[in-house]
Amino acid sequence: MGKKITLLFVCLGLTLSLNAQESNDDYLEKVKTLDSTLKTLYGVISGEKGEERNWELFRFLFHPGAKLIPTGKSKEGNVGTRFMSPDDYITNSSKWFVDNGFFEKEIHREVDTFGNITQVFSTYASFKSESDKEPFMRGINSIQLLNDGERWWVVNIYWTSENEENPIPAAYLPK
């Protein structure tokens, strides 16, 4: 009986491992280039109302220890930041995304690379539906990435939204 249970766990573990490997192989295609990584980053959080996001793929984009850092003004007028792990972001955003719909589209990009590190200023426009003509929000994502020679990793995303006091400079808008 003990050998049968052990064999069952070995077979189950092998099956789960092979399925995870197939997912990782599919996901590796999405992080082979800077462009594919950024396209996947924007795509994985976007979807219509009622549509679940692929949070496994979202997690796959991030280097261990990566942070997502929104910044802005509180109701009291204080400027601050909040530091989140990818899992914190999922916890804070997933229900809202499904309840409301959310599409974030990159509308302009500035890239600086030195060695294996890349900094991207990625201007975004946010919509509640892909069919919306006007965004409900715009801003800039400052995205730091690492290329380890095999793939691209998102290390940090630090962002702020545009407002009347802080309009997006022309240099970061489509020409």
C-alpha atoms as a PDB file:
ATOM      1  CA  MET A   1       0.000   0.000   0.000  1.00  0.00           C
ATOM      2  CA  GLY A   2       2.818   2.411   0.931  1.00  0.00           C
ATOM      3  CA  LYS A   3       4.591   1.860  -2.402  1.00  0.00           C
ATOM      4  CA  LYS A   4       1.366   2.553  -4.319  1.00  0.00           C
ATOM      5  CA  ILE A   5       0.846   5.841  -2.490  1.00  0.00           C
ATOM      6  CA  THR A   6       4.462   6.832  -3.086  1.00  0.00           C
ATOM      7  CA  LEU A   7       4.123   5.965  -6.783  1.00  0.00           C
ATOM      8  CA  LEU A   8       0.879   7.978  -6.950  1.00  0.00           C
ATOM      9  CA  PHE A   9       2.618  11.055  -5.500  1.00  0.00           C
ATOM     10  CA  VAL A  10       5.575  10.656  -7.858  1.00  0.00           C
ATOM     11  CA  CYS A  11       3.232  10.427 -10.876  1.00  0.00           C
ATOM     12  CA  LEU A  12       1.173  13.395  -9.650  1.00  0.00           C
ATOM     13  CA  GLY A  13       4.324  15.437  -9.061  1.00  0.00           C
ATOM     14  CA  LEU A  14       5.691  14.589 -12.508  1.00  0.00           C
ATOM     15  CA  THR A  15       2.381  15.541 -14.144  1.00  0.00           C
ATOM     16  CA  LEU A  16       2.245  18.869 -12.287  1.00  0.00           C
ATOM     17  CA  SER A  17       5.892  19.528 -13.110  1.00  0.00           C
ATOM     18  CA  LEU A  18       5.351  18.847 -16.828  1.00  0.00           C
ATOM     19  CA  ASN A  19       2.257  21.071 -16.902  1.00  0.00           C
ATOM     20  CA  ALA A  20       4.178  23.867 -15.144  1.00  0.00           C
ATOM     21  CA  GLN A  21       7.051  23.432 -17.620  1.00  0.00           C
ATOM     22  CA  GLU A  22       4.664  23.735 -20.568  1.00  0.00           C
ATOM     23  CA  SER A  23       3.283  26.985 -19.078  1.00  0.00           C
ATOM     24  CA  ASN A  24       6.784  28.313 -18.457  1.00  0.00           C
ATOM     25  CA  ASP A  25       7.856  27.452 -22.022  1.00  0.00           C
ATOM     26  CA  ASP A  26       4.821  29.343 -23.372  1.00  0.00           C
ATOM     27  CA  TYR A  27       5.539  32.224 -21.010  1.00  0.00           C
ATOM     28  CA  LEU A  28       9.241  32.373 -21.938  1.00  0.00           C
ATOM     29  CA  GLU A  29       8.237  33.446 -25.450  1.00  0.00           C
ATOM     30  CA  LYS A  30       6.531  36.450 -23.863  1.00  0.00           C
ATOM     31  CA  VAL A  31       9.727  37.680 -22.141  1.00  0.00           C
ATOM     32  CA  LYS A  32      12.325  37.062 -24.872  1.00  0.00           C
ATOM     33  CA  THR A  33      12.472  40.705 -25.980  1.00  0.00           C
ATOM     34  CA  LEU A  34      11.885  44.044 -24.318  1.00  0.00           C
ATOM     35  CA  ASP A  35       8.939  44.680 -26.683  1.00  0.00           C
ATOM     36  CA  SER A  36       7.300  41.310 -25.962  1.00  0.00           C
ATOM     37  CA  THR A  37       7.759  41.795 -22.212  1.00  0.00           C
ATOM     38  CA  LEU A  38       6.132  45.237 -22.223  1.00  0.00           C
ATOM     39  CA  LYS A  39       3.342  44.078 -24.545  1.00  0.00           C
ATOM     40  CA  THR A  40       2.655  41.185 -22.147  1.00  0.00           C
ATOM     41  CA  LEU A  41       2.776  43.474 -19.102  1.00  0.00           C
ATOM     42  CA  TYR A  42       0.109  45.769 -20.531  1.00  0.00           C
ATOM     43  CA  GLY A  43      -1.896  42.914 -22.014  1.00  0.00           C
ATOM     44  CA  VAL A  44      -2.075  40.740 -18.916  1.00  0.00           C
ATOM     45  CA  ILE A  45      -3.727  43.435 -16.766  1.00  0.00           C
ATOM     46  CA  SER A  46      -6.160  44.456 -19.499  1.00  0.00           C
ATOM     47  CA  GLY A  47      -9.601  42.972 -20.023  1.00  0.00           C
ATOM     48  CA  GLU A  48     -13.295  43.708 -20.286  1.00  0.00           C
ATOM     49  CA  LYS A  49     -15.650  43.829 -17.319  1.00  0.00           C
ATOM     50  CA  GLY A  50     -16.204  40.299 -16.007  1.00  0.00           C
ATOM     51  CA  GLU A  51     -12.968  38.978 -17.531  1.00  0.00           C
ATOM     52  CA  GLU A  52     -10.475  37.306 -15.177  1.00  0.00           C
ATOM     53  CA  ARG A  53      -6.796  38.126 -15.676  1.00  0.00           C
ATOM     54  CA  ASN A  54      -3.987  35.579 -16.037  1.00  0.00           C
ATOM     55  CA  TRP A  55      -2.272  36.280 -12.721  1.00  0.00           C
ATOM     56  CA  GLU A  56       0.120  33.343 -13.170  1.00  0.00           C
ATOM     57  CA  LEU A  57       1.516  35.048 -16.273  1.00  0.00           C
ATOM     58  CA  PHE A  58       1.569  38.405 -14.440  1.00  0.00           C
ATOM     59  CA  ARG A  59       3.696  36.893 -11.639  1.00  0.00           C
ATOM     60  CA  PHE A  60       6.005  35.290 -14.224  1.00  0.00           C
ATOM     61  CA  LEU A  61       7.003  38.731 -15.547  1.00  0.00           C
ATOM     62  CA  PHE A  62       8.500  39.870 -12.242  1.00  0.00           C
ATOM     63  CA  HIS A  63      11.918  39.252 -10.753  1.00  0.00           C
ATOM     64  CA  PRO A  64      11.814  37.903  -7.179  1.00  0.00           C
ATOM     65  CA  GLY A  65      11.565  40.883  -4.842  1.00  0.00           C
ATOM     66  CA  ALA A  66      10.111  43.162  -7.550  1.00  0.00           C
ATOM     67  CA  LYS A  67       7.965  46.085  -6.454  1.00  0.00           C
ATOM     68  CA  LEU A  68       5.052  47.997  -7.928  1.00  0.00           C
ATOM     69  CA  ILE A  69       5.100  51.557  -6.613  1.00  0.00           C
ATOM     70  CA  PRO A  70       2.221  53.952  -7.243  1.00  0.00           C
ATOM     71  CA  THR A  71       2.783  57.532  -6.218  1.00  0.00           C
ATOM     72  CA  GLY A  72       0.460  60.492  -5.964  1.00  0.00           C
ATOM     73  CA  LYS A  73      -1.250  62.979  -3.690  1.00  0.00           C
ATOM     74  CA  SER A  74      -3.526  61.993  -0.843  1.00  0.00           C
ATOM     75  CA  LYS A  75      -6.813  63.793  -0.191  1.00  0.00           C
ATOM     76  CA  GLU A  76      -4.896  65.865   2.359  1.00  0.00           C
ATOM     77  CA  GLY A  77      -2.448  66.982  -0.342  1.00  0.00           C
ATOM     78  CA  ASN A  78       0.544  64.925   0.815  1.00  0.00           C
ATOM     79  CA  VAL A  79       2.685  63.274  -1.843  1.00  0.00           C
ATOM     80  CA  GLY A  80       3.581  59.676  -1.083  1.00  0.00           C
ATOM     81  CA  THR A  81       4.230  56.194  -2.388  1.00  0.00           C
ATOM     82  CA  ARG A  82       2.955  52.712  -1.689  1.00  0.00           C
ATOM     83  CA  PHE A  83       5.178  49.654  -2.160  1.00  0.00           C
ATOM     84  CA  MET A  84       3.513  46.458  -3.341  1.00  0.00           C
ATOM     85  CA  SER A  85       4.687  43.024  -4.348  1.00  0.00           C
ATOM     86  CA  PRO A  86       3.075  41.522  -7.457  1.00  0.00           C
ATOM     87  CA  ASP A  87       0.811  39.509  -5.120  1.00  0.00           C
ATOM     88  CA  ASP A  88      -0.184  42.698  -3.237  1.00  0.00           C
ATOM     89  CA  TYR A  89      -1.072  44.290  -6.584  1.00  0.00           C
ATOM     90  CA  ILE A  90      -3.210  41.293  -7.510  1.00  0.00           C
ATOM     91  CA  THR A  91      -5.003  41.423  -4.150  1.00  0.00           C
ATOM     92  CA  ASN A  92      -5.645  45.163  -4.474  1.00  0.00           C
ATOM     93  CA  SER A  93      -6.613  45.262  -8.172  1.00  0.00           C
ATOM     94  CA  SER A  94      -8.120  41.995  -9.397  1.00  0.00           C
ATOM     95  CA  LYS A  95     -11.679  42.509  -8.113  1.00  0.00           C
ATOM     96  CA  TRP A  96     -11.811  46.097  -9.400  1.00  0.00           C
ATOM     97  CA  PHE A  97     -10.547  45.012 -12.826  1.00  0.00           C
ATOM     98  CA  VAL A  98     -13.242  42.330 -13.111  1.00  0.00           C
ATOM     99  CA  ASP A  99     -16.010  44.554 -11.710  1.00  0.00           C
ATOM    100  CA  ASN A 100     -15.205  47.571 -13.904  1.00  0.00           C
ATOM    101  CA  GLY A 101     -13.121  46.497 -16.875  1.00  0.00           C
ATOM    102  CA  PHE A 102      -9.654  47.934 -17.372  1.00  0.00           C
ATOM    103  CA  PHE A 103      -7.385  48.387 -20.376  1.00  0.00           C
ATOM    104  CA  GLU A 104      -4.032  50.078 -20.104  1.00  0.00           C
ATOM    105  CA  LYS A 105      -2.421  50.953 -23.422  1.00  0.00           C
ATOM    106  CA  GLU A 106       1.083  52.227 -23.992  1.00  0.00           C
ATOM    107  CA  ILE A 107       0.954  55.415 -26.083  1.00  0.00           C
ATOM    108  CA  HIS A 108       4.630  56.436 -25.996  1.00  0.00           C
ATOM    109  CA  ARG A 109       7.950  54.937 -24.876  1.00  0.00           C
ATOM    110  CA  GLU A 110      11.427  56.265 -24.037  1.00  0.00           C
ATOM    111  CA  VAL A 111      14.113  53.626 -23.384  1.00  0.00           C
ATOM    112  CA  ASP A 112      17.564  53.870 -21.814  1.00  0.00           C
ATOM    113  CA  THR A 113      19.798  50.794 -21.539  1.00  0.00           C
ATOM    114  CA  PHE A 114      23.187  50.253 -19.985  1.00  0.00           C
ATOM    115  CA  GLY A 115      24.594  46.731 -19.879  1.00  0.00           C
ATOM    116  CA  ASN A 116      21.877  44.397 -18.669  1.00  0.00           C
ATOM    117  CA  ILE A 117      19.634  47.086 -17.127  1.00  0.00           C
ATOM    118  CA  THR A 118      16.934  49.042 -18.910  1.00  0.00           C
ATOM    119  CA  GLN A 119      14.807  51.961 -17.768  1.00  0.00           C
ATOM    120  CA  VAL A 120      11.587  52.599 -19.703  1.00  0.00           C
ATOM    121  CA  PHE A 121       9.410  55.705 -19.384  1.00  0.00           C
ATOM    122  CA  SER A 122       6.157  54.288 -20.723  1.00  0.00           C
ATOM    123  CA  THR A 123       3.278  56.719 -21.125  1.00  0.00           C
ATOM    124  CA  TYR A 124      -0.077  54.997 -20.699  1.00  0.00           C
ATOM    125  CA  ALA A 125      -3.747  55.677 -21.283  1.00  0.00           C
ATOM    126  CA  SER A 126      -6.332  53.739 -19.242  1.00  0.00           C
ATOM    127  CA  PHE A 127      -9.785  52.754 -20.442  1.00  0.00           C
ATOM    128  CA  LYS A 128     -12.624  50.746 -18.888  1.00  0.00           C
ATOM    129  CA  SER A 129     -13.360  49.018 -22.199  1.00  0.00           C
ATOM    130  CA  GLU A 130     -11.287  48.405 -25.286  1.00  0.00           C
ATOM    131  CA  SER A 131     -13.981  50.191 -27.296  1.00  0.00           C
ATOM    132  CA  ASP A 132     -13.701  53.439 -25.261  1.00  0.00           C
ATOM    133  CA  LYS A 133     -12.480  56.387 -27.315  1.00  0.00           C
ATOM    134  CA  GLU A 134     -11.254  58.596 -24.443  1.00  0.00           C
ATOM    135  CA  PRO A 135      -9.135  57.399 -21.513  1.00  0.00           C
ATOM    136  CA  PHE A 136     -10.351  57.930 -17.967  1.00  0.00           C
ATOM    137  CA  MET A 137      -6.728  58.298 -16.855  1.00  0.00           C
ATOM    138  CA  ARG A 138      -3.229  58.776 -18.261  1.00  0.00           C
ATOM    139  CA  GLY A 139       0.189  58.717 -16.673  1.00  0.00           C
ATOM    140  CA  ILE A 140       3.730  57.439 -16.878  1.00  0.00           C
ATOM    141  CA  ASN A 141       5.081  54.070 -15.791  1.00  0.00           C
ATOM    142  CA  SER A 142       8.777  54.132 -14.950  1.00  0.00           C
ATOM    143  CA  ILE A 143       9.667  50.489 -15.547  1.00  0.00           C
ATOM    144  CA  GLN A 144      13.048  49.034 -14.583  1.00  0.00           C
ATOM    145  CA  LEU A 145      13.975  45.743 -16.215  1.00  0.00           C
ATOM    146  CA  LEU A 146      16.817  43.235 -16.116  1.00  0.00           C
ATOM    147  CA  ASN A 147      17.966  41.137 -19.055  1.00  0.00           C
ATOM    148  CA  ASP A 148      19.772  38.095 -17.622  1.00  0.00           C
ATOM    149  CA  GLY A 149      20.788  36.837 -21.067  1.00  0.00           C
ATOM    150  CA  GLU A 150      17.892  34.372 -21.179  1.00  0.00           C
ATOM    151  CA  ARG A 151      14.876  36.615 -20.642  1.00  0.00           C
ATOM    152  CA  TRP A 152      13.632  40.003 -19.477  1.00  0.00           C
ATOM    153  CA  TRP A 153      12.497  40.522 -15.871  1.00  0.00           C
ATOM    154  CA  VAL A 154      10.437  43.422 -14.539  1.00  0.00           C
ATOM    155  CA  VAL A 155      12.296  44.625 -11.439  1.00  0.00           C
ATOM    156  CA  ASN A 156      10.126  47.647 -10.529  1.00  0.00           C
ATOM    157  CA  ILE A 157       7.237  49.654 -11.864  1.00  0.00           C
ATOM    158  CA  TYR A 158       7.013  53.146 -10.370  1.00  0.00           C
ATOM    159  CA  TRP A 159       4.151  55.259 -11.669  1.00  0.00           C
ATOM    160  CA  THR A 160       2.099  58.383 -11.326  1.00  0.00           C
ATOM    161  CA  SER A 161      -1.062  59.577 -13.001  1.00  0.00           C
ATOM    162  CA  GLU A 162      -1.513  62.797 -14.875  1.00  0.00           C
ATOM    163  CA  ASN A 163      -3.567  65.560 -13.258  1.00  0.00           C
ATOM    164  CA  GLU A 164      -4.121  69.304 -13.709  1.00  0.00           C
ATOM    165  CA  GLU A 165      -1.089  70.134 -11.570  1.00  0.00           C
ATOM    166  CA  ASN A 166       1.031  67.475 -13.242  1.00  0.00           C
ATOM    167  CA  PRO A 167       0.332  67.221 -16.983  1.00  0.00           C
ATOM    168  CA  ILE A 168       2.369  64.794 -19.049  1.00  0.00           C
ATOM    169  CA  PRO A 169       5.216  66.711 -20.750  1.00  0.00           C
ATOM    170  CA  ALA A 170       5.068  66.827 -24.553  1.00  0.00           C
ATOM    171  CA  ALA A 171       8.337  64.843 -24.736  1.00  0.00           C
ATOM    172  CA  TYR A 172       6.471  61.817 -23.300  1.00  0.00           C
ATOM    173  CA  LEU A 173       3.428  62.022 -25.579  1.00  0.00           C
ATOM    174  CA  PRO A 174       2.993  60.593 -29.101  1.00  0.00           C
ATOM    175  CA  LYS A 175       4.423  62.875 -31.777  1.00  0.00           C
END
